[in-house]
PDB file of N, CA and C in Angstrom:
ATOM      1  N   MET A   1       0.205  -1.341   0.446  1.00  0.00           N
ATOM      2  CA  MET A   1      -0.247  -0.294   0.050  1.00  0.00           C
ATOM      3  C   MET A   1       0.513   0.876   0.122  1.00  0.00           C
ATOM      4  N   CYS A   2       0.769   2.269  -1.008  1.00  0.00           N
ATOM      5  CA  CYS A   2       1.180   3.359  -0.410  1.00  0.00           C
ATOM      6  C   CYS A   2       0.075   4.255  -0.590  1.00  0.00           C
ATOM      7  N   VAL A   3       0.234   5.247  -0.068  1.00  0.00           N
ATOM      8  CA  VAL A   3      -0.231   6.636   0.839  1.00  0.00           C
ATOM      9  C   VAL A   3       0.775   8.403   0.813  1.00  0.00           C
ATOM     10  N   THR A   4      -1.313   8.598   0.748  1.00  0.00           N
ATOM     11  CA  THR A   4      -0.649   9.930   0.069  1.00  0.00           C
ATOM     12  C   THR A   4      -0.706  10.318   0.859  1.00  0.00           C
ATOM     13  N   TYR A   5      -0.598  11.666   2.234  1.00  0.00           N
ATOM     14  CA  TYR A   5      -0.618  12.312   2.588  1.00  0.00           C
ATOM     15  C   TYR A   5      -0.003  13.818   2.851  1.00  0.00           C
ATOM     16  N   ILE A   6      -0.374  14.835   3.802  1.00  0.00           N
ATOM     17  CA  ILE A   6      -0.035  16.209   3.304  1.00  0.00           C
ATOM     18  C   ILE A   6       0.238  15.780   5.179  1.00  0.00           C
ATOM     19  N   VAL A   7       1.455  16.854   5.884  1.00  0.00           N
ATOM     20  CA  VAL A   7       1.704  17.153   6.972  1.00  0.00           C
ATOM     21  C   VAL A   7       1.757  18.976   7.382  1.00  0.00           C
ATOM     22  N   TYR A   8       1.850  18.590   8.369  1.00  0.00           N
ATOM     23  CA  TYR A   8       0.889  20.883   8.790  1.00  0.00           C
ATOM     24  C   TYR A   8       2.444  20.716   9.343  1.00  0.00           C
ATOM     25  N   SER A   9       2.785  21.852   9.611  1.00  0.00           N
ATOM     26  CA  SER A   9       3.892  22.769  10.441  1.00  0.00           C
ATOM     27  C   SER A   9       3.065  23.708  10.736  1.00  0.00           C
ATOM     28  N   ALA A  10       2.726  23.929  12.570  1.00  0.00           N
ATOM     29  CA  ALA A  10       2.773  25.279  13.453  1.00  0.00           C
ATOM     30  C   ALA A  10       3.346  26.273  13.044  1.00  0.00           C
ATOM     31  N   LYS A  11       4.643  25.939  12.912  1.00  0.00           N
ATOM     32  CA  LYS A  11       5.992  27.141  13.039  1.00  0.00           C
ATOM     33  C   LYS A  11       5.676  28.122  12.042  1.00  0.00           C
ATOM     34  N   ILE A  12       5.643  27.543  10.389  1.00  0.00           N
ATOM     35  CA  ILE A  12       6.368  28.049   9.858  1.00  0.00           C
ATOM     36  C   ILE A  12       4.647  28.136   8.554  1.00  0.00           C
ATOM     37  N   ASP A  13       3.815  27.206   9.716  1.00  0.00           N
ATOM     38  CA  ASP A  13       2.107  27.458   8.809  1.00  0.00           C
ATOM     39  C   ASP A  13       2.514  27.113   7.473  1.00  0.00           C
ATOM     40  N   SER A  14       2.165  25.895   7.266  1.00  0.00           N
ATOM     41  CA  SER A  14       2.913  25.883   5.501  1.00  0.00           C
ATOM     42  C   SER A  14       2.115  23.630   5.772  1.00  0.00           C
ATOM     43  N   TYR A  15       2.072  23.220   4.962  1.00  0.00           N
ATOM     44  CA  TYR A  15       1.602  22.504   5.048  1.00  0.00           C
ATOM     45  C   TYR A  15       2.463  22.497   3.432  1.00  0.00           C
ATOM     46  N   TYR A  16       2.356  20.146   3.463  1.00  0.00           N
ATOM     47  CA  TYR A  16       3.648  19.472   2.587  1.00  0.00           C
ATOM     48  C   TYR A  16       2.793  18.827   2.013  1.00  0.00           C
ATOM     49  N   VAL A  17       2.988  18.704   0.896  1.00  0.00           N
ATOM     50  CA  VAL A  17       1.986  17.196  -0.154  1.00  0.00           C
ATOM     51  C   VAL A  17       2.792  16.626   0.072  1.00  0.00           C
ATOM     52  N   GLY A  18       2.603  15.059  -0.766  1.00  0.00           N
ATOM     53  CA  GLY A  18       3.582  13.584  -0.620  1.00  0.00           C
ATOM     54  C   GLY A  18       2.810  12.332  -0.344  1.00  0.00           C
ATOM     55  N   SER A  19       3.755  11.564  -1.621  1.00  0.00           N
ATOM     56  CA  SER A  19       3.357  10.132  -1.045  1.00  0.00           C
ATOM     57  C   SER A  19       4.580   9.840  -0.859  1.00  0.00           C
ATOM     58  N   THR A  20       4.438   8.114  -0.819  1.00  0.00           N
ATOM     59  CA  THR A  20       5.416   6.296   0.056  1.00  0.00           C
ATOM     60  C   THR A  20       4.965   5.805   0.315  1.00  0.00           C
ATOM     61  N   LEU A  21       6.083   4.413   0.928  1.00  0.00           N
ATOM     62  CA  LEU A  21       5.413   3.570   1.173  1.00  0.00           C
ATOM     63  C   LEU A  21       5.160   3.998   2.254  1.00  0.00           C
ATOM     64  N   ASP A  22       5.790   3.987   3.056  1.00  0.00           N
ATOM     65  CA  ASP A  22       6.078   3.981   4.535  1.00  0.00           C
ATOM     66  C   ASP A  22       5.549   4.911   5.256  1.00  0.00           C
ATOM     67  N   LEU A  23       4.626   5.053   6.143  1.00  0.00           N
ATOM     68  CA  LEU A  23       4.377   7.078   6.501  1.00  0.00           C
ATOM     69  C   LEU A  23       5.416   7.041   8.009  1.00  0.00           C
ATOM     70  N   THR A  24       5.657   6.492   8.465  1.00  0.00           N
ATOM     71  CA  THR A  24       5.863   6.248   9.168  1.00  0.00           C
ATOM     72  C   THR A  24       7.652   7.412   9.488  1.00  0.00           C
ATOM     73  N   ASP A  25       7.511   5.943   8.779  1.00  0.00           N
ATOM     74  CA  ASP A  25       9.880   6.354   8.045  1.00  0.00           C
ATOM     75  C   ASP A  25      10.014   7.903   7.385  1.00  0.00           C
ATOM     76  N   LYS A  26       8.428   8.390   6.416  1.00  0.00           N
ATOM     77  CA  LYS A  26       8.978   9.678   6.470  1.00  0.00           C
ATOM     78  C   LYS A  26       8.417  10.798   7.133  1.00  0.00           C
ATOM     79  N   LEU A  27       7.474  10.676   8.360  1.00  0.00           N
ATOM     80  CA  LEU A  27       7.226  11.254   9.090  1.00  0.00           C
ATOM     81  C   LEU A  27       8.706  11.914   9.938  1.00  0.00           C
ATOM     82  N   LYS A  28       9.585  10.285  10.125  1.00  0.00           N
ATOM     83  CA  LYS A  28      10.319  10.902  10.685  1.00  0.00           C
ATOM     84  C   LYS A  28      11.664  11.831  10.104  1.00  0.00           C
ATOM     85  N   ARG A  29      11.954  11.506   8.569  1.00  0.00           N
ATOM     86  CA  ARG A  29      12.537  12.290   8.299  1.00  0.00           C
ATOM     87  C   ARG A  29      12.200  13.928   7.603  1.00  0.00           C
ATOM     88  N   HIS A  30      11.045  13.871   7.839  1.00  0.00           N
ATOM     89  CA  HIS A  30      10.551  15.520   7.475  1.00  0.00           C
ATOM     90  C   HIS A  30      11.436  15.808   8.590  1.00  0.00           C
ATOM     91  N   ASN A  31      10.292  14.814   9.590  1.00  0.00           N
ATOM     92  CA  ASN A  31      11.078  15.940  10.767  1.00  0.00           C
ATOM     93  C   ASN A  31      12.138  15.449  11.725  1.00  0.00           C
ATOM     94  N   SER A  32      13.288  15.097  10.964  1.00  0.00           N
ATOM     95  CA  SER A  32      14.642  15.092  10.851  1.00  0.00           C
ATOM     96  C   SER A  32      15.180  16.873  10.294  1.00  0.00           C
ATOM     97  N   TRP A  33      16.661  16.631  10.120  1.00  0.00           N
ATOM     98  CA  TRP A  33      17.497  17.911   9.236  1.00  0.00           C
ATOM     99  C   TRP A  33      17.386  16.855   7.940  1.00  0.00           C
ATOM    100  N   ARG A  34      16.824  16.112   7.856  1.00  0.00           N
ATOM    101  CA  ARG A  34      17.306  15.670   6.288  1.00  0.00           C
ATOM    102  C   ARG A  34      16.608  15.787   4.777  1.00  0.00           C
ATOM    103  N   SER A  35      15.453  16.807   5.481  1.00  0.00           N
ATOM    104  CA  SER A  35      14.750  16.652   3.995  1.00  0.00           C
ATOM    105  C   SER A  35      15.148  18.167   3.946  1.00  0.00           C
ATOM    106  N   THR A  36      15.542  18.772   2.844  1.00  0.00           N
ATOM    107  CA  THR A  36      15.948  20.024   2.481  1.00  0.00           C
ATOM    108  C   THR A  36      14.067  21.352   2.967  1.00  0.00           C
ATOM    109  N   TYR A  37      13.658  21.108   2.147  1.00  0.00           N
ATOM    110  CA  TYR A  37      11.991  21.874   1.926  1.00  0.00           C
ATOM    111  C   TYR A  37      11.434  21.731   3.683  1.00  0.00           C
ATOM    112  N   THR A  38      11.532  21.014   4.101  1.00  0.00           N
ATOM    113  CA  THR A  38      10.713  20.745   5.754  1.00  0.00           C
ATOM    114  C   THR A  38      11.356  21.042   6.731  1.00  0.00           C
ATOM    115  N   LYS A  39      12.848  21.062   6.536  1.00  0.00           N
ATOM    116  CA  LYS A  39      13.929  21.508   8.029  1.00  0.00           C
ATOM    117  C   LYS A  39      12.766  22.477   8.427  1.00  0.00           C
ATOM    118  N   ARG A  40      13.493  23.217   8.246  1.00  0.00           N
ATOM    119  CA  ARG A  40      12.994  24.640   8.814  1.00  0.00           C
ATOM    120  C   ARG A  40      11.183  24.070   9.258  1.00  0.00           C
ATOM    121  N   GLY A  41      10.504  23.757   8.893  1.00  0.00           N
ATOM    122  CA  GLY A  41       8.706  23.511   9.351  1.00  0.00           C
ATOM    123  C   GLY A  41       8.956  22.618  11.187  1.00  0.00           C
ATOM    124  N   ILE A  42       9.995  22.198  11.369  1.00  0.00           N
ATOM    125  CA  ILE A  42       9.634  20.514  11.706  1.00  0.00           C
ATOM    126  C   ILE A  42       9.282  21.420  13.370  1.00  0.00           C
ATOM    127  N   PRO A  43       7.983  21.569  14.183  1.00  0.00           N
ATOM    128  CA  PRO A  43       7.991  19.867  14.299  1.00  0.00           C
ATOM    129  C   PRO A  43       6.932  20.058  12.799  1.00  0.00           C
ATOM    130  N   TRP A  44       6.326  18.842  12.133  1.00  0.00           N
ATOM    131  CA  TRP A  44       5.278  18.238  11.098  1.00  0.00           C
ATOM    132  C   TRP A  44       4.583  16.873  11.936  1.00  0.00           C
ATOM    133  N   ILE A  45       3.062  17.541  11.196  1.00  0.00           N
ATOM    134  CA  ILE A  45       2.247  16.404  12.061  1.00  0.00           C
ATOM    135  C   ILE A  45       1.386  16.224  10.619  1.00  0.00           C
ATOM    136  N   VAL A  46       0.876  14.508  10.940  1.00  0.00           N
ATOM    137  CA  VAL A  46       0.381  14.189   9.679  1.00  0.00           C
ATOM    138  C   VAL A  46      -1.171  14.396   9.964  1.00  0.00           C
ATOM    139  N   VAL A  47      -1.357  15.391   9.018  1.00  0.00           N
ATOM    140  CA  VAL A  47      -3.182  15.940   8.983  1.00  0.00           C
ATOM    141  C   VAL A  47      -4.573  15.969   7.820  1.00  0.00           C
ATOM    142  N   TYR A  48      -3.509  14.577   6.990  1.00  0.00           N
ATOM    143  CA  TYR A  48      -4.329  13.707   6.076  1.00  0.00           C
ATOM    144  C   TYR A  48      -3.360  12.157   5.517  1.00  0.00           C
ATOM    145  N   GLN A  49      -4.357  11.242   5.606  1.00  0.00           N
ATOM    146  CA  GLN A  49      -3.758  10.360   4.898  1.00  0.00           C
ATOM    147  C   GLN A  49      -4.772   9.358   3.766  1.00  0.00           C
ATOM    148  N   LYS A  50      -4.100   8.927   3.146  1.00  0.00           N
ATOM    149  CA  LYS A  50      -4.908   8.151   2.325  1.00  0.00           C
ATOM    150  C   LYS A  50      -4.500   6.977   1.641  1.00  0.00           C
ATOM    151  N   SER A  51      -4.452   6.053   1.947  1.00  0.00           N
ATOM    152  CA  SER A  51      -3.867   4.141   1.026  1.00  0.00           C
ATOM    153  C   SER A  51      -4.531   4.280  -0.654  1.00  0.00           C
ATOM    154  N   TYR A  52      -3.536   3.898  -1.194  1.00  0.00           N
ATOM    155  CA  TYR A  52      -3.752   3.717  -2.286  1.00  0.00           C
ATOM    156  C   TYR A  52      -3.424   2.258  -2.951  1.00  0.00           C
ATOM    157  N   PRO A  53      -3.881   1.530  -3.652  1.00  0.00           N
ATOM    158  CA  PRO A  53      -2.852   0.684  -3.482  1.00  0.00           C
ATOM    159  C   PRO A  53      -2.078   0.269  -4.596  1.00  0.00           C
ATOM    160  N   THR A  54      -2.222   0.721  -5.624  1.00  0.00           N
ATOM    161  CA  THR A  54      -0.761   1.383  -6.163  1.00  0.00           C
ATOM    162  C   THR A  54       0.085   2.526  -6.305  1.00  0.00           C
ATOM    163  N   LYS A  55       1.449   2.441  -6.287  1.00  0.00           N
ATOM    164  CA  LYS A  55       2.225   3.640  -6.169  1.00  0.00           C
ATOM    165  C   LYS A  55       1.965   4.981  -7.528  1.00  0.00           C
ATOM    166  N   SER A  56       1.602   3.807  -7.669  1.00  0.00           N
ATOM    167  CA  SER A  56       0.845   5.817  -8.804  1.00  0.00           C
ATOM    168  C   SER A  56      -0.089   6.409  -8.909  1.00  0.00           C
ATOM    169  N   GLU A  57      -1.472   5.090  -8.328  1.00  0.00           N
ATOM    170  CA  GLU A  57      -3.070   5.874  -8.017  1.00  0.00           C
ATOM    171  C   GLU A  57      -2.100   7.134  -7.166  1.00  0.00           C
ATOM    172  N   ALA A  58      -1.288   6.634  -5.765  1.00  0.00           N
ATOM    173  CA  ALA A  58      -1.122   7.632  -4.839  1.00  0.00           C
ATOM    174  C   ALA A  58       0.199   8.550  -5.764  1.00  0.00           C
ATOM    175  N   TYR A  59       0.835   8.299  -5.974  1.00  0.00           N
ATOM    176  CA  TYR A  59       1.029   9.253  -7.356  1.00  0.00           C
ATOM    177  C   TYR A  59       0.704  10.554  -7.466  1.00  0.00           C
ATOM    178  N   GLN A  60      -0.960   9.525  -8.599  1.00  0.00           N
ATOM    179  CA  GLN A  60      -1.597  10.737  -9.245  1.00  0.00           C
ATOM    180  C   GLN A  60      -2.833  11.183  -7.709  1.00  0.00           C
ATOM    181  N   ALA A  61      -2.512  11.388  -6.896  1.00  0.00           N
ATOM    182  CA  ALA A  61      -3.699  11.993  -6.057  1.00  0.00           C
ATOM    183  C   ALA A  61      -3.062  13.095  -5.629  1.00  0.00           C
ATOM    184  N   GLU A  62      -1.960  12.799  -5.172  1.00  0.00           N
ATOM    185  CA  GLU A  62      -0.815  13.373  -4.651  1.00  0.00           C
ATOM    186  C   GLU A  62      -0.556  14.959  -5.544  1.00  0.00           C
ATOM    187  N   HIS A  63       0.181  15.028  -7.023  1.00  0.00           N
ATOM    188  CA  HIS A  63       0.347  15.575  -8.404  1.00  0.00           C
ATOM    189  C   HIS A  63      -1.205  16.170  -8.821  1.00  0.00           C
ATOM    190  N   SER A  64      -2.447  15.721  -8.090  1.00  0.00           N
ATOM    191  CA  SER A  64      -3.906  16.534  -8.135  1.00  0.00           C
ATOM    192  C   SER A  64      -4.116  17.289  -7.044  1.00  0.00           C
ATOM    193  N   ILE A  65      -3.179  16.795  -5.707  1.00  0.00           N
ATOM    194  CA  ILE A  65      -3.819  17.448  -4.580  1.00  0.00           C
ATOM    195  C   ILE A  65      -3.157  19.130  -5.125  1.00  0.00           C
ATOM    196  N   LYS A  66      -1.252  18.548  -5.716  1.00  0.00           N
ATOM    197  CA  LYS A  66      -0.788  20.107  -6.185  1.00  0.00           C
ATOM    198  C   LYS A  66      -1.386  20.814  -7.022  1.00  0.00           C
ATOM    199  N   SER A  67      -1.040  19.995  -8.066  1.00  0.00           N
ATOM    200  CA  SER A  67      -2.127  20.803  -9.517  1.00  0.00           C
ATOM    201  C   SER A  67      -3.016  22.207  -8.674  1.00  0.00           C
ATOM    202  N   GLN A  68      -4.084  22.378  -8.297  1.00  0.00           N
ATOM    203  CA  GLN A  68      -4.476  23.348  -7.206  1.00  0.00           C
ATOM    204  C   GLN A  68      -4.555  24.273  -6.785  1.00  0.00           C
ATOM    205  N   LYS A  69      -2.892  24.129  -6.715  1.00  0.00           N
ATOM    206  CA  LYS A  69      -2.177  25.428  -6.175  1.00  0.00           C
ATOM    207  C   LYS A  69      -2.738  26.013  -5.511  1.00  0.00           C
ATOM    208  N   SER A  70      -3.266  25.669  -4.887  1.00  0.00           N
ATOM    209  CA  SER A  70      -4.227  26.294  -4.057  1.00  0.00           C
ATOM    210  C   SER A  70      -4.424  25.780  -1.970  1.00  0.00           C
ATOM    211  N   ARG A  71      -4.261  26.333  -1.044  1.00  0.00           N
ATOM    212  CA  ARG A  71      -4.255  26.591   0.314  1.00  0.00           C
ATOM    213  C   ARG A  71      -5.557  26.458   0.447  1.00  0.00           C
ATOM    214  N   LYS A  72      -6.387  26.844   0.511  1.00  0.00           N
ATOM    215  CA  LYS A  72      -8.030  26.993   0.464  1.00  0.00           C
ATOM    216  C   LYS A  72      -8.669  24.755  -0.027  1.00  0.00           C
ATOM    217  N   TYR A  73      -7.704  25.031  -1.126  1.00  0.00           N
ATOM    218  CA  TYR A  73      -8.222  23.413  -1.781  1.00  0.00           C
ATOM    219  C   TYR A  73      -7.481  22.172   0.058  1.00  0.00           C
ATOM    220  N   ILE A  74      -6.430  22.746  -0.118  1.00  0.00           N
ATOM    221  CA  ILE A  74      -5.583  21.918   1.312  1.00  0.00           C
ATOM    222  C   ILE A  74      -6.451  21.147   2.055  1.00  0.00           C
ATOM    223  N   GLN A  75      -6.579  23.116   2.357  1.00  0.00           N
ATOM    224  CA  GLN A  75      -7.378  23.079   4.171  1.00  0.00           C
ATOM    225  C   GLN A  75      -8.556  21.724   4.101  1.00  0.00           C
ATOM    226  N   LYS A  76      -9.392  22.633   2.596  1.00  0.00           N
ATOM    227  CA  LYS A  76     -10.412  21.936   2.248  1.00  0.00           C
ATOM    228  C   LYS A  76     -11.007  20.810   2.737  1.00  0.00           C
ATOM    229  N   ILE A  77      -9.102  19.601   2.246  1.00  0.00           N
ATOM    230  CA  ILE A  77      -8.954  18.114   2.339  1.00  0.00           C
ATOM    231  C   ILE A  77      -8.826  18.028   3.522  1.00  0.00           C
ATOM    232  N   VAL A  78      -8.234  18.635   4.175  1.00  0.00           N
ATOM    233  CA  VAL A  78      -7.764  18.440   5.453  1.00  0.00           C
ATOM    234  C   VAL A  78      -8.577  18.328   6.955  1.00  0.00           C
ATOM    235  N   TRP A  79      -9.479  19.504   6.937  1.00  0.00           N
ATOM    236  CA  TRP A  79     -10.701  19.842   7.230  1.00  0.00           C
ATOM    237  C   TRP A  79     -11.956  18.891   7.183  1.00  0.00           C
ATOM    238  N   LYS A  80     -12.154  17.652   6.311  1.00  0.00           N
ATOM    239  CA  LYS A  80     -13.078  17.571   5.705  1.00  0.00           C
ATOM    240  C   LYS A  80     -12.349  15.923   7.167  1.00  0.00           C
ATOM    241  N   TYR A  81     -11.121  15.752   6.567  1.00  0.00           N
ATOM    242  CA  TYR A  81     -10.286  14.522   7.382  1.00  0.00           C
ATOM    243  C   TYR A  81     -10.521  14.332   8.419  1.00  0.00           C
ATOM    244  N   LEU A  82     -10.336  15.118   9.117  1.00  0.00           N
ATOM    245  CA  LEU A  82      -9.555  15.539  10.231  1.00  0.00           C
ATOM    246  C   LEU A  82     -11.064  15.194  10.858  1.00  0.00           C
ATOM    247  N   HIS A  83     -12.648  16.099  10.427  1.00  0.00           N
ATOM    248  CA  HIS A  83     -13.744  16.250  10.552  1.00  0.00           C
ATOM    249  C   HIS A  83     -14.147  14.603  11.343  1.00  0.00           C
ATOM    250  N   GLU A  84     -13.740  13.481  10.670  1.00  0.00           N
ATOM    251  CA  GLU A  84     -13.924  12.109   9.756  1.00  0.00           C
ATOM    252  C   GLU A  84     -13.134  12.009  10.809  1.00  0.00           C
ATOM    253  N   GLN A  85     -11.958  11.825  11.441  1.00  0.00           N
ATOM    254  CA  GLN A  85     -11.028  10.636  12.456  1.00  0.00           C
ATOM    255  C   GLN A  85     -11.037  10.973  13.948  1.00  0.00           C
ATOM    256  N   VAL A  86     -10.740  12.655  13.815  1.00  0.00           N
ATOM    257  CA  VAL A  86     -10.701  13.055  15.313  1.00  0.00           C
ATOM    258  C   VAL A  86     -12.354  13.380  16.033  1.00  0.00           C
ATOM    259  N   ILE A  87     -13.205  12.282  16.264  1.00  0.00           N
ATOM    260  CA  ILE A  87     -14.505  12.930  17.061  1.00  0.00           C
ATOM    261  C   ILE A  87     -14.657  11.454  18.084  1.00  0.00           C
ATOM    262  N   PRO A  88     -14.833  11.309  18.984  1.00  0.00           N
ATOM    263  CA  PRO A  88     -14.594  12.746  20.099  1.00  0.00           C
ATOM    264  C   PRO A  88     -13.568  12.626  20.371  1.00  0.00           C
ATOM    265  N   ILE A  89     -12.723  13.966  20.449  1.00  0.00           N
ATOM    266  CA  ILE A  89     -11.573  14.433  21.819  1.00  0.00           C
ATOM    267  C   ILE A  89     -11.503  14.719  23.053  1.00  0.00           C
ATOM    268  N   ARG A  90     -11.419  14.050  24.123  1.00  0.00           N
ATOM    269  CA  ARG A  90     -10.780  14.731  25.206  1.00  0.00           C
ATOM    270  C   ARG A  90      -9.530  14.245  25.900  1.00  0.00           C
ATOM    271  N   ILE A  91      -9.646  15.547  26.827  1.00  0.00           N
ATOM    272  CA  ILE A  91      -8.737  15.773  27.518  1.00  0.00           C
ATOM    273  C   ILE A  91      -8.720  15.781  28.384  1.00  0.00           C
ATOM    274  N   HIS A  92      -8.165  15.279  29.660  1.00  0.00           N
ATOM    275  CA  HIS A  92      -8.623  14.720  31.576  1.00  0.00           C
ATOM    276  C   HIS A  92     -10.161  14.977  31.260  1.00  0.00           C
ATOM    277  N   ASN A  93     -10.492  14.094  30.546  1.00  0.00           N
ATOM    278  CA  ASN A  93     -11.978  13.509  31.252  1.00  0.00           C
ATOM    279  C   ASN A  93     -12.847  15.512  31.082  1.00  0.00           C
ATOM    280  N   ASN A  94     -11.633  15.935  30.162  1.00  0.00           N
ATOM    281  CA  ASN A  94     -13.154  16.555  29.404  1.00  0.00           C
ATOM    282  C   ASN A  94     -13.401  16.827  28.227  1.00  0.00           C
ATOM    283  N   GLU A  95     -14.108  16.983  27.666  1.00  0.00           N
ATOM    284  CA  GLU A  95     -15.367  16.979  26.649  1.00  0.00           C
ATOM    285  C   GLU A  95     -14.301  18.142  25.777  1.00  0.00           C
ATOM    286  N   ILE A  96     -14.468  17.749  24.831  1.00  0.00           N
ATOM    287  CA  ILE A  96     -14.279  19.330  23.960  1.00  0.00           C
ATOM    288  C   ILE A  96     -15.623  19.122  22.866  1.00  0.00           C
ATOM    289  N   ASN A  97     -16.600  20.201  23.317  1.00  0.00           N
ATOM    290  CA  ASN A  97     -18.078  20.075  21.625  1.00  0.00           C
ATOM    291  C   ASN A  97     -17.046  20.021  20.368  1.00  0.00           C
ATOM    292  N   THR A  98     -16.862  18.802  19.999  1.00  0.00           N
ATOM    293  CA  THR A  98     -16.635  19.079  18.218  1.00  0.00           C
ATOM    294  C   THR A  98     -17.350  20.022  16.920  1.00  0.00           C
ATOM    295  N   LYS A  99     -18.895  20.658  17.901  1.00  0.00           N
ATOM    296  CA  LYS A  99     -18.951  21.600  17.225  1.00  0.00           C
ATOM    297  C   LYS A  99     -17.830  22.831  16.870  1.00  0.00           C
ATOM    298  N   SER A 100     -18.205  22.983  17.779  1.00  0.00           N
ATOM    299  CA  SER A 100     -17.059  24.470  18.672  1.00  0.00           C
ATOM    300  C   SER A 100     -15.837  24.478  18.049  1.00  0.00           C
ATOM    301  N   LEU A 101     -14.850  22.601  18.084  1.00  0.00           N
ATOM    302  CA  LEU A 101     -13.965  22.532  17.798  1.00  0.00           C
ATOM    303  C   LEU A 101     -13.276  22.722  16.875  1.00  0.00           C
ATOM    304  N   PHE A 102     -14.630  22.274  15.912  1.00  0.00           N
ATOM    305  CA  PHE A 102     -14.177  22.311  14.215  1.00  0.00           C
ATOM    306  C   PHE A 102     -15.290  23.834  13.768  1.00  0.00           C
ATOM    307  N   LYS A 103     -15.568  24.318  14.371  1.00  0.00           N
ATOM    308  CA  LYS A 103     -15.211  26.133  14.033  1.00  0.00           C
ATOM    309  C   LYS A 103     -13.923  26.504  13.086  1.00  0.00           C
ATOM    310  N   HIS A 104     -13.161  26.587  13.727  1.00  0.00           N
ATOM    311  CA  HIS A 104     -11.601  26.724  14.429  1.00  0.00           C
ATOM    312  C   HIS A 104     -10.347  26.459  13.016  1.00  0.00           C
ATOM    313  N   LYS A 105     -10.237  27.305  12.596  1.00  0.00           N
ATOM    314  CA  LYS A 105      -9.766  26.425  11.592  1.00  0.00           C
ATOM    315  C   LYS A 105      -8.044  25.259  11.575  1.00  0.00           C
ATOM    316  N   VAL A 106      -8.005  25.155  10.750  1.00  0.00           N
ATOM    317  CA  VAL A 106      -7.089  23.349  10.722  1.00  0.00           C
ATOM    318  C   VAL A 106      -5.805  23.777  11.931  1.00  0.00           C
ATOM    319  N   ARG A 107      -5.839  25.479  11.722  1.00  0.00           N
ATOM    320  CA  ARG A 107      -4.378  25.339  12.348  1.00  0.00           C
ATOM    321  C   ARG A 107      -4.607  25.147  13.995  1.00  0.00           C
ATOM    322  N   TYR A 108      -5.806  25.652  14.548  1.00  0.00           N
ATOM    323  CA  TYR A 108      -5.729  25.883  15.353  1.00  0.00           C
ATOM    324  C   TYR A 108      -5.848  25.055  16.216  1.00  0.00           C
ATOM    325  N   VAL A 109      -6.087  23.199  15.606  1.00  0.00           N
ATOM    326  CA  VAL A 109      -6.337  22.248  15.905  1.00  0.00           C
ATOM    327  C   VAL A 109      -4.942  21.939  15.655  1.00  0.00           C
ATOM    328  N   THR A 110      -4.224  22.061  14.726  1.00  0.00           N
ATOM    329  CA  THR A 110      -2.976  21.618  14.719  1.00  0.00           C
ATOM    330  C   THR A 110      -2.004  21.873  16.043  1.00  0.00           C
ATOM    331  N   SER A 111      -2.454  23.341  16.398  1.00  0.00           N
ATOM    332  CA  SER A 111      -1.652  23.160  17.448  1.00  0.00           C
ATOM    333  C   SER A 111      -2.190  23.415  18.519  1.00  0.00           C
ATOM    334  N   LEU A 112      -3.144  23.256  18.794  1.00  0.00           N
ATOM    335  CA  LEU A 112      -3.486  22.462  20.271  1.00  0.00           C
ATOM    336  C   LEU A 112      -3.040  20.511  20.654  1.00  0.00           C
ATOM    337  N   LEU A 113      -2.684  19.722  19.107  1.00  0.00           N
ATOM    338  CA  LEU A 113      -2.130  18.548  19.389  1.00  0.00           C
ATOM    339  C   LEU A 113      -0.743  18.748  19.276  1.00  0.00           C
ATOM    340  N   LEU A 114      -0.267  20.439  18.301  1.00  0.00           N
ATOM    341  CA  LEU A 114       0.865  19.875  18.627  1.00  0.00           C
ATOM    342  C   LEU A 114       1.918  20.828  20.434  1.00  0.00           C
ATOM    343  N   TYR A 115       1.031  21.419  20.342  1.00  0.00           N
ATOM    344  CA  TYR A 115       1.482  22.948  21.781  1.00  0.00           C
ATOM    345  C   TYR A 115       0.597  21.730  23.325  1.00  0.00           C
ATOM    346  N   THR A 116       0.000  21.493  23.262  1.00  0.00           N
ATOM    347  CA  THR A 116      -1.493  21.259  24.862  1.00  0.00           C
ATOM    348  C   THR A 116       0.952  20.267  25.315  1.00  0.00           C
ATOM    349  N   GLU A 117       0.237  20.872  26.547  1.00  0.00           N
ATOM    350  CA  GLU A 117       0.643  19.314  27.718  1.00  0.00           C
ATOM    351  C   GLU A 117      -0.153  18.238  28.097  1.00  0.00           C
ATOM    352  N   PHE A 118      -0.995  18.245  27.567  1.00  0.00           N
ATOM    353  CA  PHE A 118      -2.398  17.659  28.029  1.00  0.00           C
ATOM    354  C   PHE A 118      -2.068  16.156  27.214  1.00  0.00           C
ATOM    355  N   ARG A 119      -2.345  14.759  27.685  1.00  0.00           N
ATOM    356  CA  ARG A 119      -2.272  14.055  26.714  1.00  0.00           C
ATOM    357  C   ARG A 119      -3.394  13.709  26.552  1.00  0.00           C
ATOM    358  N   LEU A 120      -3.790  13.294  25.018  1.00  0.00           N
ATOM    359  CA  LEU A 120      -4.750  13.281  24.372  1.00  0.00           C
ATOM    360  C   LEU A 120      -5.248  12.119  24.198  1.00  0.00           C
ATOM    361  N   LYS A 121      -6.606  11.406  24.475  1.00  0.00           N
ATOM    362  CA  LYS A 121      -7.179  10.011  23.854  1.00  0.00           C
ATOM    363  C   LYS A 121      -8.043   9.942  23.144  1.00  0.00           C
ATOM    364  N   ILE A 122      -8.431   9.184  21.621  1.00  0.00           N
ATOM    365  CA  ILE A 122      -9.043   9.944  21.049  1.00  0.00           C
ATOM    366  C   ILE A 122      -9.777   8.522  21.091  1.00  0.00           C
ATOM    367  N   ASP A 123     -10.742   8.587  21.056  1.00  0.00           N
ATOM    368  CA  ASP A 123     -11.989   7.321  21.767  1.00  0.00           C
ATOM    369  C   ASP A 123     -12.714   7.827  19.780  1.00  0.00           C
ATOM    370  N   ILE A 124     -13.006   6.185  19.763  1.00  0.00           N
ATOM    371  CA  ILE A 124     -13.285   6.750  17.834  1.00  0.00           C
ATOM    372  C   ILE A 124     -14.471   5.728  18.326  1.00  0.00           C
TER     373      ILE A 124
END
């Protein structure tokens, strides 16, 4: 399985779109100093991922997203993915209302995930 993914850096408020066979290894590379483009935005977090049966399909999906040349388009994809995946979130037994959470921008959500000192427990 190959994966098309989007990672986000709150540090530079930027998204990076890519595809890979091993997302865990790729994320480690983005968060080390080994990637020229992404090293300035460390730390990166995965905000979207979709699996495809072949490498060429994942590559096509990656280029389809990149060809839009639109931050708003990427944010729509991420927003939809997060809305489907991160319901509900509990932080130390205090529930966050999902509707109010998703009224905020993706930047808020990713910043919350990156910079809070709370442990997140995701109940699906």
